[in-house]
Amino acid sequence: MTKHFNAIRHAWHGIVWGLQTQPNYRVHILFSILSLIAALLLNISYGEWLIILVMIILGFVIETINTAIEQLGDAIDVNHNDHIRRAKDSSAGAMLIFSCGAVIVAAIIFLPKIL
């Protein structure tokens, strides 16, 4: 049980560190709050709420993995390294793909209610 408690504690420290140091987390929090406010104001359905919440959580997961890859690459070598650059670019690309998808999902849910 102690191993699990320590794993959760370390995971929590990673989340807190990301929130304190990574500007992209703050951007994600801002857009998440705006989405939740829009969801409340536009009275979205239960299914739409689930989709919005899953998208918010998934965004934080992908951003956390992206941050971990960037930190690991920097820890391995701070000098230019094509392999590390490609790994960091790819993880950032994953977040970009997700962000574009999240905008599309938000448009599908919110635009008909706004219009």
PDB file of N, CA and C in Angstrom:
ATOM      1  N   MET A   1       0.828  -1.198   0.000  1.00  0.00           N
ATOM      2  CA  MET A   1       0.000   0.000   0.000  1.00  0.00           C
ATOM      3  C   MET A   1       0.870   1.258   0.000  1.00  0.00           C
ATOM      4  N   THR A   2       2.000   1.203   0.683  1.00  0.00           N
ATOM      5  CA  THR A   2       2.896   2.358   0.737  1.00  0.00           C
ATOM      6  C   THR A   2       3.406   2.713  -0.657  1.00  0.00           C
ATOM      7  N   LYS A   3       3.707   1.694  -1.466  1.00  0.00           N
ATOM      8  CA  LYS A   3       4.169   1.948  -2.830  1.00  0.00           C
ATOM      9  C   LYS A   3       3.126   2.737  -3.610  1.00  0.00           C
ATOM     10  N   HIS A   4       1.854   2.350  -3.472  1.00  0.00           N
ATOM     11  CA  HIS A   4       0.786   3.038  -4.186  1.00  0.00           C
ATOM     12  C   HIS A   4       0.608   4.470  -3.681  1.00  0.00           C
ATOM     13  N   PHE A   5       0.691   4.642  -2.373  1.00  0.00           N
ATOM     14  CA  PHE A   5       0.571   5.978  -1.803  1.00  0.00           C
ATOM     15  C   PHE A   5       1.706   6.873  -2.312  1.00  0.00           C
ATOM     16  N   ASN A   6       2.922   6.332  -2.333  1.00  0.00           N
ATOM     17  CA  ASN A   6       4.062   7.107  -2.836  1.00  0.00           C
ATOM     18  C   ASN A   6       3.912   7.426  -4.319  1.00  0.00           C
ATOM     19  N   ALA A   7       3.394   6.486  -5.093  1.00  0.00           N
ATOM     20  CA  ALA A   7       3.190   6.719  -6.525  1.00  0.00           C
ATOM     21  C   ALA A   7       2.179   7.839  -6.741  1.00  0.00           C
ATOM     22  N   ILE A   8       1.107   7.821  -5.963  1.00  0.00           N
ATOM     23  CA  ILE A   8       0.091   8.882  -6.075  1.00  0.00           C
ATOM     24  C   ILE A   8       0.681  10.220  -5.650  1.00  0.00           C
ATOM     25  N   ARG A   9       1.472  10.209  -4.585  1.00  0.00           N
ATOM     26  CA  ARG A   9       2.104  11.456  -4.111  1.00  0.00           C
ATOM     27  C   ARG A   9       3.040  12.029  -5.175  1.00  0.00           C
ATOM     28  N   HIS A  10       3.843  11.166  -5.795  1.00  0.00           N
ATOM     29  CA  HIS A  10       4.756  11.623  -6.845  1.00  0.00           C
ATOM     30  C   HIS A  10       3.975  12.138  -8.058  1.00  0.00           C
ATOM     31  N   ALA A  11       2.908  11.454  -8.414  1.00  0.00           N
ATOM     32  CA  ALA A  11       2.077  11.901  -9.535  1.00  0.00           C
ATOM     33  C   ALA A  11       1.471  13.276  -9.230  1.00  0.00           C
ATOM     34  N   TRP A  12       0.999  13.450  -8.008  1.00  0.00           N
ATOM     35  CA  TRP A  12       0.424  14.737  -7.613  1.00  0.00           C
ATOM     36  C   TRP A  12       1.483  15.836  -7.688  1.00  0.00           C
ATOM     37  N   HIS A  13       2.697  15.547  -7.246  1.00  0.00           N
ATOM     38  CA  HIS A  13       3.777  16.539  -7.338  1.00  0.00           C
ATOM     39  C   HIS A  13       4.036  16.923  -8.794  1.00  0.00           C
ATOM     40  N   GLY A  14       3.970  15.949  -9.690  1.00  0.00           N
ATOM     41  CA  GLY A  14       4.155  16.237 -11.108  1.00  0.00           C
ATOM     42  C   GLY A  14       3.073  17.147 -11.651  1.00  0.00           C
ATOM     43  N   ILE A  15       1.841  16.910 -11.246  1.00  0.00           N
ATOM     44  CA  ILE A  15       0.727  17.758 -11.687  1.00  0.00           C
ATOM     45  C   ILE A  15       0.901  19.179 -11.149  1.00  0.00           C
ATOM     46  N   VAL A  16       1.200  19.301  -9.877  1.00  0.00           N
ATOM     47  CA  VAL A  16       1.379  20.624  -9.261  1.00  0.00           C
ATOM     48  C   VAL A  16       2.538  21.361  -9.932  1.00  0.00           C
ATOM     49  N   TRP A  17       3.649  20.658 -10.164  1.00  0.00           N
ATOM     50  CA  TRP A  17       4.802  21.284 -10.830  1.00  0.00           C
ATOM     51  C   TRP A  17       4.393  21.792 -12.215  1.00  0.00           C
ATOM     52  N   GLY A  18       3.660  20.988 -12.956  1.00  0.00           N
ATOM     53  CA  GLY A  18       3.212  21.412 -14.281  1.00  0.00           C
ATOM     54  C   GLY A  18       2.329  22.641 -14.216  1.00  0.00           C
ATOM     55  N   LEU A  19       1.403  22.659 -13.284  1.00  0.00           N
ATOM     56  CA  LEU A  19       0.508  23.815 -13.137  1.00  0.00           C
ATOM     57  C   LEU A  19       1.271  25.072 -12.736  1.00  0.00           C
ATOM     58  N   GLN A  20       2.310  24.906 -11.942  1.00  0.00           N
ATOM     59  CA  GLN A  20       3.068  26.065 -11.470  1.00  0.00           C
ATOM     60  C   GLN A  20       4.052  26.594 -12.509  1.00  0.00           C
ATOM     61  N   THR A  21       4.531  25.743 -13.394  1.00  0.00           N
ATOM     62  CA  THR A  21       5.653  26.144 -14.250  1.00  0.00           C
ATOM     63  C   THR A  21       5.359  26.172 -15.748  1.00  0.00           C
ATOM     64  N   GLN A  22       4.301  25.540 -16.192  1.00  0.00           N
ATOM     65  CA  GLN A  22       4.070  25.417 -17.627  1.00  0.00           C
ATOM     66  C   GLN A  22       2.954  26.351 -18.088  1.00  0.00           C
ATOM     67  N   PRO A  23       3.273  27.339 -18.904  1.00  0.00           N
ATOM     68  CA  PRO A  23       2.247  28.284 -19.373  1.00  0.00           C
ATOM     69  C   PRO A  23       1.111  27.609 -20.134  1.00  0.00           C
ATOM     70  N   ASN A  24       1.393  26.515 -20.825  1.00  0.00           N
ATOM     71  CA  ASN A  24       0.336  25.855 -21.590  1.00  0.00           C
ATOM     72  C   ASN A  24      -0.742  25.249 -20.694  1.00  0.00           C
ATOM     73  N   TYR A  25      -0.381  24.895 -19.472  1.00  0.00           N
ATOM     74  CA  TYR A  25      -1.398  24.433 -18.529  1.00  0.00           C
ATOM     75  C   TYR A  25      -2.379  25.566 -18.238  1.00  0.00           C
ATOM     76  N   ARG A  26      -1.852  26.758 -18.059  1.00  0.00           N
ATOM     77  CA  ARG A  26      -2.714  27.911 -17.762  1.00  0.00           C
ATOM     78  C   ARG A  26      -3.648  28.206 -18.925  1.00  0.00           C
ATOM     79  N   VAL A  27      -3.136  28.085 -20.132  1.00  0.00           N
ATOM     80  CA  VAL A  27      -3.974  28.276 -21.320  1.00  0.00           C
ATOM     81  C   VAL A  27      -5.086  27.224 -21.338  1.00  0.00           C
ATOM     82  N   HIS A  28      -4.710  25.982 -21.053  1.00  0.00           N
ATOM     83  CA  HIS A  28      -5.695  24.907 -21.036  1.00  0.00           C
ATOM     84  C   HIS A  28      -6.748  25.150 -19.957  1.00  0.00           C
ATOM     85  N   ILE A  29      -6.322  25.617 -18.799  1.00  0.00           N
ATOM     86  CA  ILE A  29      -7.273  25.924 -17.722  1.00  0.00           C
ATOM     87  C   ILE A  29      -8.231  27.024 -18.164  1.00  0.00           C
ATOM     88  N   LEU A  30      -7.711  28.074 -18.797  1.00  0.00           N
ATOM     89  CA  LEU A  30      -8.560  29.171 -19.266  1.00  0.00           C
ATOM     90  C   LEU A  30      -9.621  28.662 -20.231  1.00  0.00           C
ATOM     91  N   PHE A  31      -9.205  27.909 -21.256  1.00  0.00           N
ATOM     92  CA  PHE A  31     -10.169  27.411 -22.234  1.00  0.00           C
ATOM     93  C   PHE A  31     -11.123  26.386 -21.619  1.00  0.00           C
ATOM     94  N   SER A  32     -10.662  25.633 -20.645  1.00  0.00           N
ATOM     95  CA  SER A  32     -11.533  24.687 -19.956  1.00  0.00           C
ATOM     96  C   SER A  32     -12.625  25.427 -19.188  1.00  0.00           C
ATOM     97  N   ILE A  33     -12.232  26.482 -18.480  1.00  0.00           N
ATOM     98  CA  ILE A  33     -13.212  27.271 -17.727  1.00  0.00           C
ATOM     99  C   ILE A  33     -14.212  27.924 -18.669  1.00  0.00           C
ATOM    100  N   LEU A  34     -13.721  28.486 -19.779  1.00  0.00           N
ATOM    101  CA  LEU A  34     -14.624  29.095 -20.757  1.00  0.00           C
ATOM    102  C   LEU A  34     -15.600  28.069 -21.324  1.00  0.00           C
ATOM    103  N   SER A  35     -15.112  26.860 -21.583  1.00  0.00           N
ATOM    104  CA  SER A  35     -15.982  25.800 -22.101  1.00  0.00           C
ATOM    105  C   SER A  35     -17.042  25.408 -21.080  1.00  0.00           C
ATOM    106  N   LEU A  36     -16.641  25.319 -19.826  1.00  0.00           N
ATOM    107  CA  LEU A  36     -17.596  24.950 -18.784  1.00  0.00           C
ATOM    108  C   LEU A  36     -18.647  26.040 -18.586  1.00  0.00           C
ATOM    109  N   ILE A  37     -18.223  27.288 -18.645  1.00  0.00           N
ATOM    110  CA  ILE A  37     -19.181  28.397 -18.536  1.00  0.00           C
ATOM    111  C   ILE A  37     -20.149  28.377 -19.715  1.00  0.00           C
ATOM    112  N   ALA A  38     -19.613  28.185 -20.922  1.00  0.00           N
ATOM    113  CA  ALA A  38     -20.468  28.113 -22.107  1.00  0.00           C
ATOM    114  C   ALA A  38     -21.441  26.944 -21.989  1.00  0.00           C
ATOM    115  N   ALA A  39     -20.960  25.821 -21.486  1.00  0.00           N
ATOM    116  CA  ALA A  39     -21.823  24.650 -21.326  1.00  0.00           C
ATOM    117  C   ALA A  39     -22.985  24.946 -20.365  1.00  0.00           C
ATOM    118  N   LEU A  40     -22.687  25.655 -19.286  1.00  0.00           N
ATOM    119  CA  LEU A  40     -23.737  26.019 -18.330  1.00  0.00           C
ATOM    120  C   LEU A  40     -24.727  26.998 -18.953  1.00  0.00           C
ATOM    121  N   LEU A  41     -24.200  28.024 -19.608  1.00  0.00           N
ATOM    122  CA  LEU A  41     -25.066  29.059 -20.182  1.00  0.00           C
ATOM    123  C   LEU A  41     -25.922  28.532 -21.335  1.00  0.00           C
ATOM    124  N   LEU A  42     -25.376  27.612 -22.109  1.00  0.00           N
ATOM    125  CA  LEU A  42     -26.096  27.097 -23.282  1.00  0.00           C
ATOM    126  C   LEU A  42     -26.900  25.830 -22.982  1.00  0.00           C
ATOM    127  N   ASN A  43     -26.847  25.399 -21.720  1.00  0.00           N
ATOM    128  CA  ASN A  43     -27.667  24.263 -21.291  1.00  0.00           C
ATOM    129  C   ASN A  43     -27.463  23.037 -22.190  1.00  0.00           C
ATOM    130  N   ILE A  44     -26.219  22.597 -22.292  1.00  0.00           N
ATOM    131  CA  ILE A  44     -25.920  21.459 -23.160  1.00  0.00           C
ATOM    132  C   ILE A  44     -26.449  20.163 -22.539  1.00  0.00           C
ATOM    133  N   SER A  45     -26.576  19.143 -23.358  1.00  0.00           N
ATOM    134  CA  SER A  45     -27.138  17.869 -22.913  1.00  0.00           C
ATOM    135  C   SER A  45     -26.129  17.089 -22.063  1.00  0.00           C
ATOM    136  N   TYR A  46     -26.626  16.025 -21.439  1.00  0.00           N
ATOM    137  CA  TYR A  46     -25.784  15.151 -20.622  1.00  0.00           C
ATOM    138  C   TYR A  46     -24.644  14.569 -21.459  1.00  0.00           C
ATOM    139  N   GLY A  47     -24.963  14.084 -22.632  1.00  0.00           N
ATOM    140  CA  GLY A  47     -23.944  13.516 -23.522  1.00  0.00           C
ATOM    141  C   GLY A  47     -22.901  14.544 -23.933  1.00  0.00           C
ATOM    142  N   GLU A  48     -23.356  15.759 -24.194  1.00  0.00           N
ATOM    143  CA  GLU A  48     -22.412  16.830 -24.550  1.00  0.00           C
ATOM    144  C   GLU A  48     -21.514  17.186 -23.371  1.00  0.00           C
ATOM    145  N   TRP A  49     -22.073  17.166 -22.169  1.00  0.00           N
ATOM    146  CA  TRP A  49     -21.261  17.393 -20.967  1.00  0.00           C
ATOM    147  C   TRP A  49     -20.158  16.344 -20.864  1.00  0.00           C
ATOM    148  N   LEU A  50     -20.528  15.095 -21.094  1.00  0.00           N
ATOM    149  CA  LEU A  50     -19.531  14.025 -21.027  1.00  0.00           C
ATOM    150  C   LEU A  50     -18.414  14.254 -22.036  1.00  0.00           C
ATOM    151  N   ILE A  51     -18.792  14.630 -23.245  1.00  0.00           N
ATOM    152  CA  ILE A  51     -17.784  14.880 -24.281  1.00  0.00           C
ATOM    153  C   ILE A  51     -16.863  16.029 -23.883  1.00  0.00           C
ATOM    154  N   ILE A  52     -17.429  17.118 -23.406  1.00  0.00           N
ATOM    155  CA  ILE A  52     -16.627  18.275 -22.995  1.00  0.00           C
ATOM    156  C   ILE A  52     -15.674  17.884 -21.862  1.00  0.00           C
ATOM    157  N   LEU A  53     -16.170  17.162 -20.871  1.00  0.00           N
ATOM    158  CA  LEU A  53     -15.325  16.764 -19.745  1.00  0.00           C
ATOM    159  C   LEU A  53     -14.210  15.815 -20.185  1.00  0.00           C
ATOM    160  N   VAL A  54     -14.524  14.864 -21.056  1.00  0.00           N
ATOM    161  CA  VAL A  54     -13.488  13.955 -21.559  1.00  0.00           C
ATOM    162  C   VAL A  54     -12.444  14.737 -22.348  1.00  0.00           C
ATOM    163  N   MET A  55     -12.865  15.694 -23.153  1.00  0.00           N
ATOM    164  CA  MET A  55     -11.912  16.499 -23.927  1.00  0.00           C
ATOM    165  C   MET A  55     -11.012  17.320 -23.001  1.00  0.00           C
ATOM    166  N   ILE A  56     -11.564  17.896 -21.961  1.00  0.00           N
ATOM    167  CA  ILE A  56     -10.765  18.673 -21.007  1.00  0.00           C
ATOM    168  C   ILE A  56      -9.729  17.768 -20.331  1.00  0.00           C
ATOM    169  N   ILE A  57     -10.174  16.622 -19.845  1.00  0.00           N
ATOM    170  CA  ILE A  57      -9.257  15.705 -19.160  1.00  0.00           C
ATOM    171  C   ILE A  57      -8.190  15.200 -20.119  1.00  0.00           C
ATOM    172  N   LEU A  58      -8.592  14.811 -21.317  1.00  0.00           N
ATOM    173  CA  LEU A  58      -7.637  14.317 -22.301  1.00  0.00           C
ATOM    174  C   LEU A  58      -6.611  15.395 -22.661  1.00  0.00           C
ATOM    175  N   GLY A  59      -7.044  16.638 -22.743  1.00  0.00           N
ATOM    176  CA  GLY A  59      -6.108  17.735 -23.018  1.00  0.00           C
ATOM    177  C   GLY A  59      -5.044  17.849 -21.943  1.00  0.00           C
ATOM    178  N   PHE A  60      -5.457  17.737 -20.675  1.00  0.00           N
ATOM    179  CA  PHE A  60      -4.479  17.777 -19.588  1.00  0.00           C
ATOM    180  C   PHE A  60      -3.537  16.577 -19.637  1.00  0.00           C
ATOM    181  N   VAL A  61      -4.071  15.421 -19.986  1.00  0.00           N
ATOM    182  CA  VAL A  61      -3.231  14.219 -20.085  1.00  0.00           C
ATOM    183  C   VAL A  61      -2.180  14.399 -21.176  1.00  0.00           C
ATOM    184  N   ILE A  62      -2.605  14.836 -22.350  1.00  0.00           N
ATOM    185  CA  ILE A  62      -1.660  14.994 -23.461  1.00  0.00           C
ATOM    186  C   ILE A  62      -0.634  16.076 -23.144  1.00  0.00           C
ATOM    187  N   GLU A  63      -1.062  17.172 -22.553  1.00  0.00           N
ATOM    188  CA  GLU A  63      -0.126  18.244 -22.187  1.00  0.00           C
ATOM    189  C   GLU A  63       0.874  17.751 -21.148  1.00  0.00           C
ATOM    190  N   THR A  64       0.433  16.919 -20.215  1.00  0.00           N
ATOM    191  CA  THR A  64       1.335  16.381 -19.201  1.00  0.00           C
ATOM    192  C   THR A  64       2.367  15.446 -19.828  1.00  0.00           C
ATOM    193  N   ILE A  65       1.932  14.599 -20.743  1.00  0.00           N
ATOM    194  CA  ILE A  65       2.875  13.712 -21.444  1.00  0.00           C
ATOM    195  C   ILE A  65       3.846  14.535 -22.281  1.00  0.00           C
ATOM    196  N   ASN A  66       3.357  15.547 -22.960  1.00  0.00           N
ATOM    197  CA  ASN A  66       4.218  16.428 -23.756  1.00  0.00           C
ATOM    198  C   ASN A  66       5.270  17.085 -22.863  1.00  0.00           C
ATOM    199  N   THR A  67       4.851  17.580 -21.714  1.00  0.00           N
ATOM    200  CA  THR A  67       5.776  18.220 -20.777  1.00  0.00           C
ATOM    201  C   THR A  67       6.812  17.222 -20.276  1.00  0.00           C
ATOM    202  N   ALA A  68       6.381  16.000 -19.983  1.00  0.00           N
ATOM    203  CA  ALA A  68       7.312  14.974 -19.504  1.00  0.00           C
ATOM    204  C   ALA A  68       8.361  14.659 -20.566  1.00  0.00           C
ATOM    205  N   ILE A  69       7.953  14.546 -21.811  1.00  0.00           N
ATOM    206  CA  ILE A  69       8.899  14.263 -22.897  1.00  0.00           C
ATOM    207  C   ILE A  69       9.883  15.416 -23.055  1.00  0.00           C
ATOM    208  N   GLU A  70       9.393  16.644 -22.987  1.00  0.00           N
ATOM    209  CA  GLU A  70      10.282  17.807 -23.089  1.00  0.00           C
ATOM    210  C   GLU A  70      11.293  17.823 -21.942  1.00  0.00           C
ATOM    211  N   GLN A  71      10.831  17.568 -20.733  1.00  0.00           N
ATOM    212  CA  GLN A  71      11.731  17.573 -19.571  1.00  0.00           C
ATOM    213  C   GLN A  71      12.764  16.454 -19.671  1.00  0.00           C
ATOM    214  N   LEU A  72      12.330  15.295 -20.090  1.00  0.00           N
ATOM    215  CA  LEU A  72      13.241  14.167 -20.225  1.00  0.00           C
ATOM    216  C   LEU A  72      14.294  14.448 -21.297  1.00  0.00           C
ATOM    217  N   GLY A  73      13.868  15.019 -22.414  1.00  0.00           N
ATOM    218  CA  GLY A  73      14.825  15.377 -23.466  1.00  0.00           C
ATOM    219  C   GLY A  73      15.851  16.380 -22.976  1.00  0.00           C
ATOM    220  N   ASP A  74      15.403  17.380 -22.227  1.00  0.00           N
ATOM    221  CA  ASP A  74      16.325  18.382 -21.691  1.00  0.00           C
ATOM    222  C   ASP A  74      17.280  17.765 -20.666  1.00  0.00           C
ATOM    223  N   ALA A  75      16.794  16.772 -19.920  1.00  0.00           N
ATOM    224  CA  ALA A  75      17.656  16.122 -18.926  1.00  0.00           C
ATOM    225  C   ALA A  75      18.724  15.253 -19.591  1.00  0.00           C
ATOM    226  N   ILE A  76      18.403  14.689 -20.731  1.00  0.00           N
ATOM    227  CA  ILE A  76      19.353  13.823 -21.434  1.00  0.00           C
ATOM    228  C   ILE A  76      20.462  14.642 -22.078  1.00  0.00           C
ATOM    229  N   ASP A  77      20.066  15.738 -22.744  1.00  0.00           N
ATOM    230  CA  ASP A  77      21.065  16.525 -23.479  1.00  0.00           C
ATOM    231  C   ASP A  77      20.502  17.906 -23.774  1.00  0.00           C
ATOM    232  N   VAL A  78      21.166  18.946 -23.275  1.00  0.00           N
ATOM    233  CA  VAL A  78      20.703  20.314 -23.541  1.00  0.00           C
ATOM    234  C   VAL A  78      21.252  20.842 -24.867  1.00  0.00           C
ATOM    235  N   ASN A  79      22.226  20.155 -25.418  1.00  0.00           N
ATOM    236  CA  ASN A  79      22.762  20.544 -26.719  1.00  0.00           C
ATOM    237  C   ASN A  79      21.833  20.054 -27.818  1.00  0.00           C
ATOM    238  N   HIS A  80      22.022  20.604 -29.020  1.00  0.00           N
ATOM    239  CA  HIS A  80      21.177  20.200 -30.141  1.00  0.00           C
ATOM    240  C   HIS A  80      21.350  18.704 -30.402  1.00  0.00           C
ATOM    241  N   ASN A  81      20.219  18.023 -30.459  1.00  0.00           N
ATOM    242  CA  ASN A  81      20.209  16.587 -30.728  1.00  0.00           C
ATOM    243  C   ASN A  81      18.973  16.325 -31.584  1.00  0.00           C
ATOM    244  N   ASP A  82      19.179  15.870 -32.810  1.00  0.00           N
ATOM    245  CA  ASP A  82      18.054  15.673 -33.729  1.00  0.00           C
ATOM    246  C   ASP A  82      17.025  14.683 -33.205  1.00  0.00           C
ATOM    247  N   HIS A  83      17.463  13.647 -32.527  1.00  0.00           N
ATOM    248  CA  HIS A  83      16.523  12.647 -32.007  1.00  0.00           C
ATOM    249  C   HIS A  83      15.623  13.264 -30.930  1.00  0.00           C
ATOM    250  N   ILE A  84      16.234  14.016 -30.032  1.00  0.00           N
ATOM    251  CA  ILE A  84      15.452  14.664 -28.974  1.00  0.00           C
ATOM    252  C   ILE A  84      14.535  15.716 -29.572  1.00  0.00           C
ATOM    253  N   ARG A  85      15.038  16.486 -30.521  1.00  0.00           N
ATOM    254  CA  ARG A  85      14.200  17.514 -31.163  1.00  0.00           C
ATOM    255  C   ARG A  85      12.978  16.881 -31.813  1.00  0.00           C
ATOM    256  N   ARG A  86      13.171  15.772 -32.533  1.00  0.00           N
ATOM    257  CA  ARG A  86      12.043  15.120 -33.190  1.00  0.00           C
ATOM    258  C   ARG A  86      11.047  14.567 -32.169  1.00  0.00           C
ATOM    259  N   ALA A  87      11.545  14.023 -31.072  1.00  0.00           N
ATOM    260  CA  ALA A  87      10.645  13.523 -30.024  1.00  0.00           C
ATOM    261  C   ALA A  87       9.838  14.677 -29.423  1.00  0.00           C
ATOM    262  N   LYS A  88      10.509  15.789 -29.138  1.00  0.00           N
ATOM    263  CA  LYS A  88       9.822  16.943 -28.563  1.00  0.00           C
ATOM    264  C   LYS A  88       8.838  17.550 -29.559  1.00  0.00           C
ATOM    265  N   ASP A  89       9.249  17.641 -30.821  1.00  0.00           N
ATOM    266  CA  ASP A  89       8.349  18.167 -31.853  1.00  0.00           C
ATOM    267  C   ASP A  89       7.132  17.261 -32.033  1.00  0.00           C
ATOM    268  N   SER A  90       7.357  15.963 -31.981  1.00  0.00           N
ATOM    269  CA  SER A  90       6.250  15.014 -32.146  1.00  0.00           C
ATOM    270  C   SER A  90       5.266  15.103 -30.989  1.00  0.00           C
ATOM    271  N   SER A  91       5.778  15.214 -29.772  1.00  0.00           N
ATOM    272  CA  SER A  91       4.865  15.309 -28.628  1.00  0.00           C
ATOM    273  C   SER A  91       4.104  16.635 -28.659  1.00  0.00           C
ATOM    274  N   ALA A  92       4.762  17.702 -29.082  1.00  0.00           N
ATOM    275  CA  ALA A  92       4.060  18.977 -29.237  1.00  0.00           C
ATOM    276  C   ALA A  92       3.032  18.867 -30.358  1.00  0.00           C
ATOM    277  N   GLY A  93       3.371  18.135 -31.405  1.00  0.00           N
ATOM    278  CA  GLY A  93       2.438  17.917 -32.508  1.00  0.00           C
ATOM    279  C   GLY A  93       1.200  17.169 -32.054  1.00  0.00           C
ATOM    280  N   ALA A  94       1.367  16.209 -31.149  1.00  0.00           N
ATOM    281  CA  ALA A  94       0.215  15.485 -30.611  1.00  0.00           C
ATOM    282  C   ALA A  94      -0.740  16.449 -29.912  1.00  0.00           C
ATOM    283  N   MET A  95      -0.185  17.392 -29.166  1.00  0.00           N
ATOM    284  CA  MET A  95      -1.025  18.373 -28.482  1.00  0.00           C
ATOM    285  C   MET A  95      -1.702  19.290 -29.482  1.00  0.00           C
ATOM    286  N   LEU A  96      -0.990  19.660 -30.542  1.00  0.00           N
ATOM    287  CA  LEU A  96      -1.588  20.510 -31.574  1.00  0.00           C
ATOM    288  C   LEU A  96      -2.748  19.791 -32.265  1.00  0.00           C
ATOM    289  N   ILE A  97      -2.558  18.521 -32.603  1.00  0.00           N
ATOM    290  CA  ILE A  97      -3.634  17.743 -33.223  1.00  0.00           C
ATOM    291  C   ILE A  97      -4.840  17.687 -32.294  1.00  0.00           C
ATOM    292  N   PHE A  98      -4.577  17.404 -31.027  1.00  0.00           N
ATOM    293  CA  PHE A  98      -5.680  17.354 -30.060  1.00  0.00           C
ATOM    294  C   PHE A  98      -6.393  18.700 -29.973  1.00  0.00           C
ATOM    295  N   SER A  99      -5.627  19.790 -29.904  1.00  0.00           N
ATOM    296  CA  SER A  99      -6.221  21.125 -29.777  1.00  0.00           C
ATOM    297  C   SER A  99      -7.123  21.447 -30.956  1.00  0.00           C
ATOM    298  N   CYS A 100      -6.670  21.114 -32.152  1.00  0.00           N
ATOM    299  CA  CYS A 100      -7.499  21.343 -33.345  1.00  0.00           C
ATOM    300  C   CYS A 100      -8.780  20.518 -33.264  1.00  0.00           C
ATOM    301  N   GLY A 101      -8.655  19.271 -32.831  1.00  0.00           N
ATOM    302  CA  GLY A 101      -9.836  18.429 -32.665  1.00  0.00           C
ATOM    303  C   GLY A 101     -10.775  18.971 -31.607  1.00  0.00           C
ATOM    304  N   ALA A 102     -10.217  19.491 -30.518  1.00  0.00           N
ATOM    305  CA  ALA A 102     -11.043  20.049 -29.445  1.00  0.00           C
ATOM    306  C   ALA A 102     -11.825  21.265 -29.936  1.00  0.00           C
ATOM    307  N   VAL A 103     -11.205  22.085 -30.759  1.00  0.00           N
ATOM    308  CA  VAL A 103     -11.904  23.248 -31.327  1.00  0.00           C
ATOM    309  C   VAL A 103     -13.058  22.779 -32.211  1.00  0.00           C
ATOM    310  N   ILE A 104     -12.824  21.751 -32.999  1.00  0.00           N
ATOM    311  CA  ILE A 104     -13.882  21.216 -33.869  1.00  0.00           C
ATOM    312  C   ILE A 104     -15.034  20.661 -33.034  1.00  0.00           C
ATOM    313  N   VAL A 105     -14.696  19.893 -31.996  1.00  0.00           N
ATOM    314  CA  VAL A 105     -15.736  19.342 -31.122  1.00  0.00           C
ATOM    315  C   VAL A 105     -16.522  20.475 -30.448  1.00  0.00           C
ATOM    316  N   ALA A 106     -15.820  21.480 -29.948  1.00  0.00           N
ATOM    317  CA  ALA A 106     -16.490  22.618 -29.308  1.00  0.00           C
ATOM    318  C   ALA A 106     -17.409  23.327 -30.302  1.00  0.00           C
ATOM    319  N   ALA A 107     -16.947  23.498 -31.530  1.00  0.00           N
ATOM    320  CA  ALA A 107     -17.776  24.150 -32.554  1.00  0.00           C
ATOM    321  C   ALA A 107     -19.024  23.333 -32.832  1.00  0.00           C
ATOM    322  N   ILE A 108     -18.892  22.026 -32.921  1.00  0.00           N
ATOM    323  CA  ILE A 108     -20.049  21.159 -33.185  1.00  0.00           C
ATOM    324  C   ILE A 108     -21.071  21.246 -32.052  1.00  0.00           C
ATOM    325  N   ILE A 109     -20.588  21.324 -30.827  1.00  0.00           N
ATOM    326  CA  ILE A 109     -21.486  21.374 -29.674  1.00  0.00           C
ATOM    327  C   ILE A 109     -22.069  22.762 -29.463  1.00  0.00           C
ATOM    328  N   PHE A 110     -21.226  23.787 -29.522  1.00  0.00           N
ATOM    329  CA  PHE A 110     -21.661  25.124 -29.126  1.00  0.00           C
ATOM    330  C   PHE A 110     -22.271  25.972 -30.247  1.00  0.00           C
ATOM    331  N   LEU A 111     -21.739  25.890 -31.449  1.00  0.00           N
ATOM    332  CA  LEU A 111     -22.211  26.784 -32.520  1.00  0.00           C
ATOM    333  C   LEU A 111     -23.703  26.648 -32.814  1.00  0.00           C
ATOM    334  N   PRO A 112     -24.252  25.431 -32.917  1.00  0.00           N
ATOM    335  CA  PRO A 112     -25.703  25.356 -33.167  1.00  0.00           C
ATOM    336  C   PRO A 112     -26.542  26.012 -32.067  1.00  0.00           C
ATOM    337  N   LYS A 113     -26.055  25.957 -30.842  1.00  0.00           N
ATOM    338  CA  LYS A 113     -26.805  26.557 -29.735  1.00  0.00           C
ATOM    339  C   LYS A 113     -26.653  28.084 -29.748  1.00  0.00           C
ATOM    340  N   ILE A 114     -25.497  28.566 -30.188  1.00  0.00           N
ATOM    341  CA  ILE A 114     -25.273  30.014 -30.261  1.00  0.00           C
ATOM    342  C   ILE A 114     -26.063  30.612 -31.417  1.00  0.00           C
ATOM    343  N   LEU A 115     -26.040  29.913 -32.542  1.00  0.00           N
ATOM    344  CA  LEU A 115     -26.722  30.403 -33.741  1.00  0.00           C
ATOM    345  C   LEU A 115     -28.225  30.154 -33.634  1.00  0.00           C
TER     346      LEU A 115
END
